[in-house]
N, C-alpha and C. Protein backbone atom coordinates (compact mmCIF):
# COMPACT_ATOMS: atom_id res chain seq x y z
N MET A 1 0.87 -1.25 0.34
CA MET A 1 -0.03 -0.22 0.43
C MET A 1 0.75 0.99 -0.04
N GLY A 2 0.61 2.31 -0.46
CA GLY A 2 1.46 3.40 -0.67
C GLY A 2 1.14 4.23 0.74
N LYS A 3 1.98 5.70 0.56
CA LYS A 3 1.96 6.07 1.81
C LYS A 3 1.12 7.26 1.19
N ARG A 4 1.23 8.48 1.89
CA ARG A 4 0.66 9.52 1.70
C ARG A 4 1.50 10.95 2.60
N ILE A 5 1.65 11.95 1.66
CA ILE A 5 2.26 12.53 2.02
C ILE A 5 2.08 13.71 1.88
N THR A 6 2.44 15.44 2.71
CA THR A 6 1.55 16.28 2.95
C THR A 6 3.46 17.07 2.56
N VAL A 7 3.51 18.13 0.85
CA VAL A 7 4.57 18.98 1.47
C VAL A 7 3.98 20.29 1.01
N GLU A 8 4.98 20.83 2.16
CA GLU A 8 4.47 23.13 2.22
C GLU A 8 5.48 23.46 1.25
N LEU A 9 5.56 23.92 0.12
CA LEU A 9 6.04 24.48 -0.73
C LEU A 9 6.21 26.63 -0.42
N SER A 10 7.16 26.92 -0.76
CA SER A 10 6.64 28.44 -1.09
C SER A 10 5.97 28.72 -2.55
N GLU A 11 5.62 29.65 -1.80
CA GLU A 11 4.39 30.30 -3.17
C GLU A 11 5.09 29.77 -4.35
N GLU A 12 6.63 30.38 -4.57
CA GLU A 12 7.01 30.77 -5.79
C GLU A 12 7.77 29.32 -6.39
N SER A 13 7.96 28.51 -5.17
CA SER A 13 8.22 27.06 -6.24
C SER A 13 6.64 26.46 -6.33
N TYR A 14 5.54 26.62 -5.55
CA TYR A 14 4.21 25.91 -6.42
C TYR A 14 3.82 26.36 -7.70
N ARG A 15 3.97 27.97 -7.04
CA ARG A 15 3.96 28.57 -8.95
C ARG A 15 4.47 27.69 -10.08
N VAL A 16 6.14 27.17 -10.11
CA VAL A 16 6.89 26.91 -10.76
C VAL A 16 6.58 25.42 -11.12
N LEU A 17 6.24 24.44 -10.07
CA LEU A 17 5.25 23.43 -9.67
C LEU A 17 4.41 23.27 -11.11
N SER A 18 2.88 23.84 -10.34
CA SER A 18 2.42 24.63 -11.48
C SER A 18 2.18 25.22 -12.39
N GLU A 19 3.88 24.80 -13.34
CA GLU A 19 3.75 25.57 -14.89
C GLU A 19 4.22 24.57 -15.49
N HIS A 20 5.25 24.24 -15.38
CA HIS A 20 5.17 22.58 -15.56
C HIS A 20 4.15 21.16 -15.93
N ALA A 21 4.23 21.21 -14.26
CA ALA A 21 3.15 19.89 -14.21
C ALA A 21 1.59 21.37 -15.91
N ALA A 22 1.54 21.81 -16.12
CA ALA A 22 0.73 22.25 -16.96
C ALA A 22 1.54 21.74 -18.26
N GLU A 23 2.14 21.94 -18.27
CA GLU A 23 3.05 22.02 -20.09
C GLU A 23 3.21 20.82 -20.44
N ALA A 24 3.28 19.53 -18.97
CA ALA A 24 3.16 18.41 -19.04
C ALA A 24 1.81 17.84 -19.25
N GLU A 25 0.49 18.49 -19.11
CA GLU A 25 -0.81 18.08 -19.51
C GLU A 25 -0.70 17.26 -18.64
N MET A 26 -0.41 18.08 -17.09
CA MET A 26 -0.84 16.55 -15.34
C MET A 26 -1.84 17.52 -14.58
N SER A 27 -2.28 16.66 -13.38
CA SER A 27 -2.31 17.54 -12.54
C SER A 27 -1.25 17.98 -11.25
N VAL A 28 -1.13 19.44 -10.77
CA VAL A 28 -0.43 19.38 -10.16
C VAL A 28 0.53 17.75 -9.15
N GLU A 29 -0.89 17.49 -8.76
CA GLU A 29 -0.42 16.02 -7.58
C GLU A 29 0.31 14.93 -8.49
N LYS A 30 -0.39 14.69 -9.68
CA LYS A 30 0.63 13.94 -10.75
C LYS A 30 2.23 14.32 -10.61
N TYR A 31 1.94 15.34 -11.23
CA TYR A 31 3.51 16.22 -11.63
C TYR A 31 4.33 15.71 -10.99
N ALA A 32 3.87 16.24 -9.83
CA ALA A 32 4.60 16.95 -8.73
C ALA A 32 5.32 14.71 -8.11
N TYR A 33 4.46 13.73 -7.36
CA TYR A 33 4.61 12.32 -7.58
C TYR A 33 5.70 12.11 -8.46
N GLU A 34 5.14 11.61 -10.64
CA GLU A 34 6.54 12.21 -10.49
C GLU A 34 7.59 12.24 -11.46
N VAL A 35 7.73 13.91 -9.90
CA VAL A 35 9.46 13.83 -10.42
C VAL A 35 9.43 13.95 -8.91
N ILE A 36 9.54 13.86 -8.37
CA ILE A 36 9.77 13.06 -6.53
C ILE A 36 10.44 11.24 -7.56
N GLU A 37 9.67 10.56 -8.36
CA GLU A 37 9.74 8.93 -8.65
C GLU A 37 11.48 8.95 -8.92
N GLN A 38 10.94 10.06 -10.65
CA GLN A 38 12.53 10.14 -11.35
C GLN A 38 13.58 10.44 -10.43
N TYR A 39 13.39 11.13 -9.64
CA TYR A 39 14.59 11.97 -9.26
C TYR A 39 14.81 11.10 -7.91
N LEU A 40 14.15 9.89 -7.13
CA LEU A 40 14.57 8.29 -6.81
C LEU A 40 15.74 7.44 -7.31
N GLU A 41 15.36 7.28 -8.55
CA GLU A 41 15.35 6.24 -9.62
C GLU A 41 16.66 6.80 -10.18
N ASP A 42 17.02 8.40 -9.97
CA ASP A 42 18.20 8.85 -11.06
C ASP A 42 19.41 8.66 -9.32
N ILE A 43 18.51 8.68 -8.32
CA ILE A 43 19.85 9.10 -6.96
C ILE A 43 19.73 7.06 -7.05
N ALA A 44 18.86 6.15 -7.60
CA ALA A 44 19.93 4.31 -7.75
C ALA A 44 20.36 3.88 -8.20
N ASP A 45 20.72 5.20 -9.55
CA ASP A 45 21.40 5.22 -11.26
C ASP A 45 22.73 5.62 -9.93
N MET A 46 22.87 6.48 -9.53
CA MET A 46 23.94 7.55 -9.53
C MET A 46 24.89 6.82 -8.35
N GLU A 47 24.48 5.85 -7.84
CA GLU A 47 25.20 5.01 -6.29
C GLU A 47 24.90 4.03 -6.74
N VAL A 48 24.74 3.39 -7.94
CA VAL A 48 25.17 2.20 -8.85
C VAL A 48 26.75 2.76 -9.69
N ALA A 49 26.19 3.34 -10.47
CA ALA A 49 27.55 4.28 -10.84
C ALA A 49 29.10 4.93 -10.31
N GLU A 50 28.37 5.39 -8.94
CA GLU A 50 29.63 4.91 -8.31
C GLU A 50 29.68 3.87 -7.72
N ALA A 51 29.41 3.08 -7.18
CA ALA A 51 30.20 1.55 -6.18
C ALA A 51 30.59 1.01 -8.09
N GLU A 52 29.76 1.15 -9.03
CA GLU A 52 31.43 0.99 -10.52
C GLU A 52 32.26 1.86 -10.22
N TYR A 53 32.07 2.65 -10.18
CA TYR A 53 33.65 3.68 -9.72
C TYR A 53 34.72 3.68 -9.29
N GLU A 54 34.05 3.44 -7.96
CA GLU A 54 34.96 2.27 -6.45
C GLU A 54 35.65 1.50 -7.40
N LEU A 55 34.60 0.46 -7.61
CA LEU A 55 35.88 -0.71 -8.30
C LEU A 55 36.37 -0.51 -9.32
N LEU A 56 36.31 0.34 -10.33
CA LEU A 56 37.05 0.10 -11.11
C LEU A 56 38.43 0.76 -11.05
N ALA A 57 38.30 2.04 -9.98
CA ALA A 57 39.81 2.85 -9.16
C ALA A 57 40.66 1.72 -7.92
N LYS A 58 39.20 0.59 -7.37
CA LYS A 58 39.92 0.20 -7.06
C LYS A 58 41.61 -1.13 -8.09
N ASP A 59 40.70 -1.92 -8.40
CA ASP A 59 41.28 -2.72 -9.78
C ASP A 59 42.15 -1.63 -10.05
N ASP A 60 42.42 -1.09 -10.74
CA ASP A 60 42.74 -0.38 -10.94
C ASP A 60 43.31 1.14 -11.44
N PRO A 61 44.02 1.75 -10.18
CA PRO A 61 43.60 3.27 -9.92
C PRO A 61 44.21 4.17 -11.12
N ASN A 62 44.79 3.68 -11.89
CA ASN A 62 45.21 5.04 -12.55
C ASN A 62 44.20 5.11 -14.17
N TRP A 63 43.11 4.07 -14.35
CA TRP A 63 41.91 3.54 -15.40
C TRP A 63 41.13 5.28 -16.37
N GLY A 64 41.80 6.06 -14.90
CA GLY A 64 41.17 7.27 -15.94
C GLY A 64 41.31 8.29 -16.21
N LEU A 65 43.01 8.14 -16.61
CA LEU A 65 43.91 8.39 -16.65
C LEU A 65 44.03 8.05 -18.25
N LYS A 66 43.91 6.79 -18.48
CA LYS A 66 44.69 6.21 -20.13
C LYS A 66 43.50 6.69 -20.77
């Protein structure tokens, strides 16, 4: 089951969010959900990339200089 959260935004942040939602032809709520989901996916991808980078650097500290 999903969880519900409440987020308080400044007037300016809400205005920007609303504009982007309108451009995407989505409700503000749906757009905010999509943005958060994408952000969490990006974080997960960065964690994988950083772990791979550390493995490469450990195996060959000069790999990036080649």
